[in-house]
């Protein structure tokens, strides 16, 4: 398999996992969020990834999230399911379930905590590839896995049979763009193209899409990619100028945490402020509760016109 075996592209929100205030899985809100994204023109969703708090779900809950989101999407857009775990055997079991219920593909990071060496990462993805019957996305998430899939390693991973894409969340933009150019001929690349620098990369070399936490700008997020596909790089640049500013206001460098709390905690709070189907985080994550932080976040969002009734 290679990039031509799938048609994924554009803006795919990383899908939060809704929990109730007392920590129960809220599948009704998950279904409502699928509809919200479909109505907003998103090009797909990525479930049970980092913002999906896979690490605080048990296997049954992860399977329930896959079943609910795939069923609710009903073919309106591709649903990718995160299957990261500690061993290839565990990943394969989750992946085969997800593919069996109709997921378009699965995405997997290097296993947390283990800090594998490059030859071990190759063997890990080769084992997963041999154990599943569907498209596989390599997820480079150094903040969570403790290892960086650099350009040379990505080049090797791109040749593994079922690998059709890479979701690259490196904090190193130089490395990302080098990787993109190296592997685009074989796999689809999803990463931080929705920046001023990224627009120039898309203009010069191309790229496939972005899988990012939620959708804070609504229809504008998929609209960025539709501008690129239409060759309207001026419109894409205007979006990116604002996007670079908003990112710096809300998130820490590298995008691994919010300025007022954990990534998932801040994202869910923003979504609640915006009136999106959301929910609360589950421990070990904690909610943002201090009034000064909440007020500062609300002011930042209002200043960018990102709250109902606000405008820039």
Protein backbone atom coordinates (compact mmCIF):
# COMPACT_ATOMS: atom_id res chain seq x y z
CA UNK A 1 0.00 0.00 0.00
CA UNK A 2 1.00 3.63 -0.48
CA UNK A 3 -0.48 7.14 -0.53
CA UNK A 4 -2.57 6.35 -3.61
CA UNK A 5 -4.56 3.68 -1.76
CA UNK A 6 -6.36 6.34 0.33
CA UNK A 7 -7.94 9.68 -0.52
CA UNK A 8 -7.51 11.42 2.85
CA UNK A 9 -6.63 15.08 2.74
CA UNK A 10 -7.49 18.45 4.23
CA UNK A 11 -8.46 19.32 7.80
CA UNK A 12 -9.18 16.43 10.14
CA UNK A 13 -9.87 17.52 13.72
CA UNK A 14 -8.31 15.42 16.43
CA UNK A 15 -11.42 14.24 18.22
CA UNK A 16 -11.80 14.77 21.96
CA UNK A 17 -13.30 11.97 24.04
CA UNK A 18 -16.26 13.43 25.96
CA UNK A 19 -16.51 12.49 29.62
CA UNK A 20 -19.15 13.59 32.11
CA UNK A 21 -18.13 15.67 35.10
CA UNK A 22 -17.90 12.50 37.19
CA UNK A 23 -15.66 10.79 34.62
CA UNK A 24 -18.07 8.54 32.71
CA UNK A 25 -17.75 8.07 28.95
CA UNK A 26 -20.36 10.20 27.16
CA UNK A 27 -21.10 8.54 23.83
CA UNK A 28 -24.12 10.76 23.12
CA UNK A 29 -21.85 13.82 23.11
CA UNK A 30 -19.37 11.95 20.93
CA UNK A 31 -22.10 11.29 18.37
CA UNK A 32 -23.20 14.93 18.52
CA UNK A 33 -19.63 16.08 17.91
CA UNK A 34 -19.38 13.86 14.82
CA UNK A 35 -22.47 15.60 13.44
CA UNK A 36 -21.07 19.02 14.37
CA UNK A 37 -17.88 18.34 12.40
CA UNK A 38 -19.74 16.90 9.43
CA UNK A 39 -22.04 19.92 9.32
CA UNK A 40 -18.97 22.18 9.54
CA UNK A 41 -17.43 20.70 6.40
CA UNK A 42 -14.50 18.90 8.04
CA UNK A 43 -12.66 16.46 5.83
CA UNK A 44 -12.48 13.66 8.40
CA UNK A 45 -11.75 13.04 12.07
CA UNK A 46 -9.00 11.32 14.07
CA UNK A 47 -10.35 9.56 17.17
CA UNK A 48 -8.56 8.20 20.29
CA UNK A 49 -5.37 10.15 19.76
CA UNK A 50 -3.61 12.50 22.14
CA UNK A 51 -6.53 14.89 22.66
CA UNK A 52 -8.79 11.82 22.81
CA UNK A 53 -7.15 10.84 26.11
CA UNK A 54 -6.68 7.24 24.99
CA UNK A 55 -4.37 6.77 27.97
CA UNK A 56 -7.23 7.11 30.46
CA UNK A 57 -9.63 4.77 28.66
CA UNK A 58 -9.87 1.02 29.03
CA UNK A 59 -10.01 -1.24 25.99
CA UNK A 60 -13.80 -1.45 26.04
CA UNK A 61 -14.13 2.32 26.04
CA UNK A 62 -11.66 2.70 23.19
CA UNK A 63 -13.64 0.20 21.17
CA UNK A 64 -16.90 1.96 22.03
CA UNK A 65 -15.47 5.28 20.80
CA UNK A 66 -14.42 3.66 17.52
CA UNK A 67 -17.83 2.04 17.05
CA UNK A 68 -19.77 5.20 17.91
CA UNK A 69 -17.82 7.61 15.74
CA UNK A 70 -17.63 5.34 12.70
CA UNK A 71 -21.35 4.54 12.93
CA UNK A 72 -22.34 8.18 13.41
CA UNK A 73 -20.12 9.37 10.54
CA UNK A 74 -22.03 6.97 8.27
CA UNK A 75 -19.57 7.45 5.42
CA UNK A 76 -19.80 11.26 5.42
CA UNK A 77 -16.04 11.52 5.94
CA UNK A 78 -13.17 9.17 6.83
CA UNK A 79 -12.71 8.23 10.47
CA UNK A 80 -9.17 7.36 11.56
CA UNK A 81 -8.82 5.55 14.87
CA UNK A 82 -5.83 5.90 17.17
CA UNK A 83 -4.53 2.54 18.35
CA UNK A 84 -1.35 3.50 20.19
CA UNK A 85 -0.45 1.09 22.99
CA UNK A 86 2.58 -0.45 24.66
CA UNK A 87 3.10 -3.51 22.45
CA UNK A 88 2.47 -4.34 18.82
CA UNK A 89 0.19 -7.19 19.96
CA UNK A 90 -2.08 -4.76 21.80
CA UNK A 91 -2.04 -2.31 18.88
CA UNK A 92 -2.97 -5.03 16.42
CA UNK A 93 -5.99 -6.09 18.50
CA UNK A 94 -7.28 -2.51 18.68
CA UNK A 95 -6.54 -1.87 15.01
CA UNK A 96 -8.30 -4.97 13.75
CA UNK A 97 -11.36 -4.07 15.79
CA UNK A 98 -11.36 -0.49 14.41
CA UNK A 99 -10.92 -1.63 10.82
CA UNK A 100 -13.56 -4.30 11.35
CA UNK A 101 -16.19 -1.74 12.35
CA UNK A 102 -15.44 0.40 9.32
CA UNK A 103 -12.64 2.80 10.22
CA UNK A 104 -10.88 4.20 7.16
CA UNK A 105 -7.49 3.58 8.77
CA UNK A 106 -5.58 3.55 12.04
CA UNK A 107 -2.82 5.74 13.43
CA UNK A 108 -0.16 4.64 15.88
CA UNK A 109 2.71 6.38 17.66
CA UNK A 110 5.83 4.70 18.95
CA UNK A 111 4.96 3.10 22.31
CA UNK A 112 5.11 5.46 25.28
CA UNK A 113 7.79 5.08 27.97
CA UNK A 114 9.84 2.45 26.09
CA UNK A 115 11.96 5.00 24.14
CA UNK A 116 12.67 2.60 21.30
CA UNK A 117 15.81 2.83 19.15
CA UNK A 118 15.33 3.35 15.38
CA UNK A 119 15.74 -0.32 14.46
CA UNK A 120 13.18 -1.20 17.16
CA UNK A 121 10.72 1.37 15.79
CA UNK A 122 11.06 -0.17 12.32
CA UNK A 123 10.44 -3.65 13.73
CA UNK A 124 7.46 -2.36 15.74
CA UNK A 125 5.69 -0.92 12.69
CA UNK A 126 6.62 -3.93 10.55
CA UNK A 127 4.94 -6.19 13.10
CA UNK A 128 1.83 -4.02 13.15
CA UNK A 129 1.74 -3.92 9.35
CA UNK A 130 1.92 -7.71 9.15
CA UNK A 131 -0.90 -8.10 11.68
CA UNK A 132 -3.58 -5.85 10.16
CA UNK A 133 -5.51 -5.62 6.92
CA UNK A 134 -5.89 -1.91 6.32
CA UNK A 135 -4.11 1.46 6.03
CA UNK A 136 -1.65 2.47 8.76
CA UNK A 137 -0.58 5.99 9.74
CA UNK A 138 2.72 6.57 11.53
CA UNK A 139 2.17 9.17 14.27
CA UNK A 140 5.28 11.07 15.30
CA UNK A 141 4.53 12.43 18.78
CA UNK A 142 7.85 12.94 20.58
CA UNK A 143 6.25 14.60 23.61
CA UNK A 144 4.28 11.43 24.31
CA UNK A 145 6.51 8.67 23.01
CA UNK A 146 9.85 10.08 24.13
CA UNK A 147 11.38 9.48 20.70
CA UNK A 148 11.58 11.57 17.54
CA UNK A 149 10.88 10.07 14.14
CA UNK A 150 13.36 12.14 12.18
CA UNK A 151 13.54 12.47 8.42
CA UNK A 152 15.80 9.46 7.84
CA UNK A 153 13.65 7.22 10.02
CA UNK A 154 10.44 8.48 8.39
CA UNK A 155 12.01 7.65 5.02
CA UNK A 156 12.47 4.03 6.12
CA UNK A 157 9.01 3.77 7.65
CA UNK A 158 7.44 5.03 4.42
CA UNK A 159 8.51 1.81 2.72
CA UNK A 160 6.67 -0.50 5.15
CA UNK A 161 3.82 -2.24 3.37
CA UNK A 162 0.67 -0.84 5.01
CA UNK A 163 2.04 2.60 5.88
CA UNK A 164 0.13 5.12 3.76
CA UNK A 165 0.62 8.35 5.77
CA UNK A 166 2.49 10.09 8.54
CA UNK A 167 0.94 12.39 11.12
CA UNK A 168 3.97 14.44 12.10
CA UNK A 169 3.66 16.42 15.33
CA UNK A 170 7.33 17.19 15.78
CA UNK A 171 8.05 20.54 17.47
CA UNK A 172 10.89 21.02 14.96
CA UNK A 173 9.52 22.78 11.83
CA UNK A 174 12.76 22.43 9.87
CA UNK A 175 12.64 18.69 10.36
CA UNK A 176 8.95 18.52 9.48
CA UNK A 177 9.40 20.24 6.14
CA UNK A 178 12.45 18.09 5.33
CA UNK A 179 10.42 14.96 6.12
CA UNK A 180 7.50 16.18 4.05
CA UNK A 181 9.65 16.68 0.99
CA UNK A 182 11.40 13.32 1.46
CA UNK A 183 8.34 11.07 1.78
CA UNK A 184 5.48 12.80 -0.08
CA UNK A 185 6.06 10.63 -3.12
CA UNK A 186 5.09 7.51 -1.13
CA UNK A 187 2.89 8.50 1.82
CA UNK A 188 0.46 11.26 2.66
CA UNK A 189 1.81 13.83 5.08
CA UNK A 190 -0.30 15.55 7.74
CA UNK A 191 1.34 18.29 9.75
CA UNK A 192 1.70 22.02 10.46
CA UNK A 193 1.19 23.39 6.97
CA UNK A 194 -1.46 25.85 8.17
CA UNK A 195 1.12 28.49 9.07
CA UNK A 196 2.68 31.29 7.05
CA UNK A 197 5.76 29.16 6.47
CA UNK A 198 3.58 26.15 5.73
CA UNK A 199 1.69 27.98 2.98
CA UNK A 200 4.95 28.59 1.18
CA UNK A 201 5.85 24.92 1.60
CA UNK A 202 2.51 23.91 0.11
CA UNK A 203 3.04 26.30 -2.78
CA UNK A 204 6.53 24.98 -3.49
CA UNK A 205 6.32 21.28 -2.67
CA UNK A 206 2.75 20.29 -1.79
CA UNK A 207 1.30 18.52 1.23
CA UNK A 208 -1.83 16.65 2.19
CA UNK A 209 -3.43 18.03 5.32
CA UNK A 210 -3.41 18.72 9.03
CA UNK A 211 -4.71 16.68 11.95
CA UNK A 212 -5.00 19.17 14.80
CA UNK A 213 -6.80 19.49 18.11
CA UNK A 214 -10.46 20.21 17.47
CA UNK A 215 -11.68 23.03 15.26
CA UNK A 216 -11.62 26.44 16.91
CA UNK A 217 -12.26 28.45 13.75
CA UNK A 218 -15.08 26.34 12.37
CA UNK A 219 -15.68 26.44 8.63
CA UNK A 220 -12.47 28.44 8.12
CA UNK A 221 -10.36 25.38 9.02
CA UNK A 222 -11.39 23.16 6.10
CA UNK A 223 -11.70 26.34 4.04
CA UNK A 224 -7.96 26.84 4.26
CA UNK A 225 -7.38 23.60 2.38
CA UNK A 226 -10.09 24.31 -0.13
CA UNK A 227 -8.30 27.58 -0.90
CA UNK A 228 -5.04 25.68 -1.40
CA UNK A 229 -6.71 23.15 -3.71
CA UNK A 230 -8.18 26.02 -5.72
CA UNK A 231 -4.73 27.62 -6.03
CA UNK A 232 -5.79 30.63 -3.92
CA UNK A 233 -2.64 30.94 -1.83
CA UNK A 234 -3.43 34.55 -0.95
CA UNK A 235 -6.53 33.40 0.95
CA UNK A 236 -4.55 30.61 2.58
CA UNK A 237 -1.88 33.11 3.63
CA UNK A 238 -4.48 35.41 5.23
CA UNK A 239 -5.83 32.48 7.23
CA UNK A 240 -2.31 31.50 8.30
CA UNK A 241 -1.37 34.99 9.53
CA UNK A 242 -4.29 34.90 11.95
CA UNK A 243 -3.65 31.25 12.79
CA UNK A 244 -0.03 31.89 13.76
CA UNK A 245 -1.16 34.69 16.08
CA UNK A 246 -3.91 32.62 17.69
CA UNK A 247 -1.58 29.67 18.23
CA UNK A 248 0.95 31.85 20.04
CA UNK A 249 -1.79 33.32 22.23
CA UNK A 250 -3.30 29.98 23.28
CA UNK A 251 -0.64 27.25 23.18
CA UNK A 252 2.91 26.69 24.36
CA UNK A 253 5.68 26.43 21.74
CA UNK A 254 5.59 23.02 20.13
CA UNK A 255 1.85 22.71 20.74
CA UNK A 256 2.10 20.18 23.54
CA UNK A 257 0.14 22.13 26.17
CA UNK A 258 -2.13 25.10 26.63
CA UNK A 259 -1.00 28.33 28.25
CA UNK A 260 -3.51 27.79 31.06
CA UNK A 261 -3.56 24.01 31.45
CA UNK A 262 -3.08 20.61 29.84
CA UNK A 263 -3.79 20.40 26.13
CA UNK A 264 -6.95 18.37 26.60
CA UNK A 265 -8.10 20.51 29.54
CA UNK A 266 -7.75 23.77 27.67
CA UNK A 267 -9.21 22.43 24.42
CA UNK A 268 -12.32 21.08 26.13
CA UNK A 269 -12.80 24.32 28.05
CA UNK A 270 -12.55 26.31 24.80
CA UNK A 271 -15.05 24.01 23.13
CA UNK A 272 -17.50 24.47 26.01
CA UNK A 273 -17.06 28.24 25.77
CA UNK A 274 -17.80 28.04 22.05
CA UNK A 275 -20.89 25.91 22.57
CA UNK A 276 -19.48 22.82 20.84
CA UNK A 277 -20.34 19.29 22.01
CA UNK A 278 -17.53 18.64 24.43
CA UNK A 279 -17.39 17.37 27.99
CA UNK A 280 -14.76 17.27 30.69
CA UNK A 281 -11.34 15.68 31.06
CA UNK A 282 -10.75 12.50 33.03
CA UNK A 283 -8.01 12.11 35.63
CA UNK A 284 -5.05 12.12 35.56
CA UNK A 285 -5.88 15.29 33.59
CA UNK A 286 -7.40 18.07 35.70
CA UNK A 287 -9.87 20.75 34.71
CA UNK A 288 -8.84 24.41 34.56
CA UNK A 289 -10.74 25.86 37.50
CA UNK A 290 -9.01 29.03 38.70
CA UNK A 291 -10.94 32.15 37.74
CA UNK A 292 -7.93 34.16 36.58
CA UNK A 293 -6.97 31.51 34.02
CA UNK A 294 -10.52 31.09 32.79
CA UNK A 295 -10.97 34.84 32.43
CA UNK A 296 -7.65 35.21 30.59
CA UNK A 297 -8.55 32.40 28.19
CA UNK A 298 -11.99 33.86 27.58
CA UNK A 299 -10.49 37.28 26.87
CA UNK A 300 -7.99 35.80 24.40
CA UNK A 301 -10.75 33.99 22.53
CA UNK A 302 -13.05 37.02 22.50
CA UNK A 303 -10.22 39.21 21.22
CA UNK A 304 -9.89 36.93 18.19
CA UNK A 305 -13.63 36.71 17.60
CA UNK A 306 -13.73 33.04 18.59
CA UNK A 307 -16.62 33.22 21.04
CA UNK A 308 -20.33 33.50 20.20
CA UNK A 309 -21.20 37.16 19.84
CA UNK A 310 -17.60 38.33 19.63
CA UNK A 311 -15.96 39.77 16.54
CA UNK A 312 -12.50 40.99 15.58
